Amino acid sequence: MKRKIYNELVKWKNKSGRMPLIVNGARQVGKSYILQELGKLEFDNYIIVNLDIPVEVKAGVRIRSKSLGIFMEKYKCPYGIRISKKNFGFENGIKSLPLYAAFCI
């Protein structure tokens, strides 16, 4: 599948002194696909870093809400982060951080 943006990405690749490429935009429009194609066809080695990590913030200790887990399942997130008054922990792919440690992310 050829996309119009591909030629612009090749121009970026061929520019001298180019900066790292950061791509953001709407969900599920082909960003990852086009970057993987660019990497395979234009580079010997490439790294794609996906920064889509869902974060949920809770005001108290009661964290029984299932919204973060449902979101992670729907969008195939490897893990999520929950910030609340609870202590550090990891359960069902959700990393828990206490409010005082939110600066760690």
Protein backbone atom coordinates (compact mmCIF):
# COMPACT_ATOMS: atom_id res chain seq x y z
CA MET A 1 0.00 0.00 0.00
CA LYS A 2 1.66 3.22 -1.16
CA ARG A 3 0.85 6.43 0.70
CA LYS A 4 1.44 10.05 -0.28
CA ILE A 5 3.44 10.70 2.88
CA TYR A 6 6.03 8.07 1.90
CA ASN A 7 7.76 10.42 -0.58
CA GLU A 8 7.97 13.13 2.12
CA LEU A 9 9.55 10.63 4.49
CA VAL A 10 12.14 9.67 1.87
CA LYS A 11 12.97 13.37 1.42
CA TRP A 12 13.47 13.60 5.21
CA LYS A 13 15.73 10.54 5.10
CA ASN A 14 17.90 12.00 2.35
CA LYS A 15 18.27 15.44 3.99
CA SER A 16 21.73 16.09 5.44
CA GLY A 17 21.81 16.85 9.15
CA ARG A 18 18.30 15.49 9.67
CA MET A 19 16.83 15.36 13.15
CA PRO A 20 15.07 12.29 14.63
CA LEU A 21 11.58 11.80 13.23
CA ILE A 22 8.62 12.14 15.58
CA VAL A 23 5.22 11.23 14.15
CA ASN A 24 1.96 11.81 15.97
CA GLY A 25 -1.64 11.97 14.89
CA ALA A 26 -5.02 10.30 15.07
CA ARG A 27 -5.25 6.65 16.08
CA GLN A 28 -5.22 3.88 13.48
CA VAL A 29 -4.52 5.92 10.36
CA GLY A 30 -1.38 4.03 9.32
CA LYS A 31 1.46 5.83 11.14
CA SER A 32 3.13 2.64 12.36
CA TYR A 33 2.61 0.90 9.03
CA ILE A 34 4.24 3.61 6.95
CA LEU A 35 7.19 3.91 9.34
CA GLN A 36 7.76 0.15 9.25
CA GLU A 37 7.69 0.24 5.45
CA LEU A 38 10.13 3.17 5.42
CA GLY A 39 12.42 1.30 7.81
CA LYS A 40 12.36 -1.92 5.78
CA LEU A 41 12.84 -0.27 2.39
CA GLU A 42 15.12 2.69 3.13
CA PHE A 43 17.32 1.77 6.12
CA ASP A 44 19.65 -1.05 7.10
CA ASN A 45 18.57 -0.69 10.76
CA TYR A 46 15.73 1.22 12.38
CA ILE A 47 13.98 1.60 15.73
CA ILE A 48 10.33 2.48 16.23
CA VAL A 49 9.38 3.66 19.71
CA ASN A 50 5.67 3.69 20.47
CA LEU A 51 4.78 6.07 23.29
CA ASP A 52 1.11 5.17 23.55
CA ILE A 53 0.95 4.22 27.21
CA PRO A 54 -2.44 4.73 28.81
CA VAL A 55 -2.39 6.50 32.18
CA GLU A 56 -5.26 6.52 34.67
CA VAL A 57 -5.32 8.84 37.69
CA LYS A 58 -7.46 8.02 40.74
CA ALA A 59 -8.12 10.40 43.61
CA GLY A 60 -8.27 7.75 46.33
CA VAL A 61 -7.38 4.19 47.24
CA ARG A 62 -10.48 2.61 45.64
CA ILE A 63 -9.27 1.58 42.18
CA ARG A 64 -11.78 -1.09 41.15
CA SER A 65 -12.74 0.72 37.93
CA LYS A 66 -12.25 -1.49 34.87
CA SER A 67 -11.88 1.31 32.30
CA LEU A 68 -8.08 1.15 32.08
CA GLY A 69 -8.10 -2.63 31.64
CA ILE A 70 -10.81 -2.45 28.98
CA PHE A 71 -8.89 0.27 27.10
CA MET A 72 -5.68 -1.77 27.23
CA GLU A 73 -7.44 -4.86 25.92
CA LYS A 74 -9.20 -2.99 23.11
CA TYR A 75 -6.07 -1.19 21.88
CA LYS A 76 -3.61 -4.04 22.61
CA CYS A 77 -1.48 -2.00 25.06
CA PRO A 78 1.32 -4.07 26.64
CA TYR A 79 0.85 -2.24 29.94
CA GLY A 80 -0.79 0.78 31.53
CA ILE A 81 -0.02 3.10 34.42
CA ARG A 82 -2.39 3.87 37.29
CA ILE A 83 -1.62 6.77 39.63
CA SER A 84 -3.50 6.70 42.95
CA LYS A 85 -3.02 6.77 46.71
CA LYS A 86 -2.08 3.07 46.65
CA ASN A 87 1.55 2.03 46.85
CA PHE A 88 3.76 0.73 44.03
CA GLY A 89 2.57 -2.48 42.40
CA PHE A 90 2.03 -4.42 39.18
CA GLU A 91 -1.06 -6.49 38.43
CA ASN A 92 -2.72 -7.56 35.16
CA GLY A 93 -0.34 -5.44 33.11
CA ILE A 94 -1.09 -2.30 35.14
CA LYS A 95 1.81 -0.58 36.91
CA SER A 96 0.59 1.26 40.02
CA LEU A 97 2.32 4.40 41.22
CA PRO A 98 1.48 6.39 44.33
CA LEU A 99 0.56 10.04 43.75
CA TYR A 100 3.82 11.26 45.32
CA ALA A 101 5.81 9.35 42.68
CA ALA A 102 3.96 10.61 39.60
CA PHE A 103 7.04 12.57 38.56
CA CYS A 104 8.71 9.18 37.83
CA ILE A 105 6.81 8.76 34.60
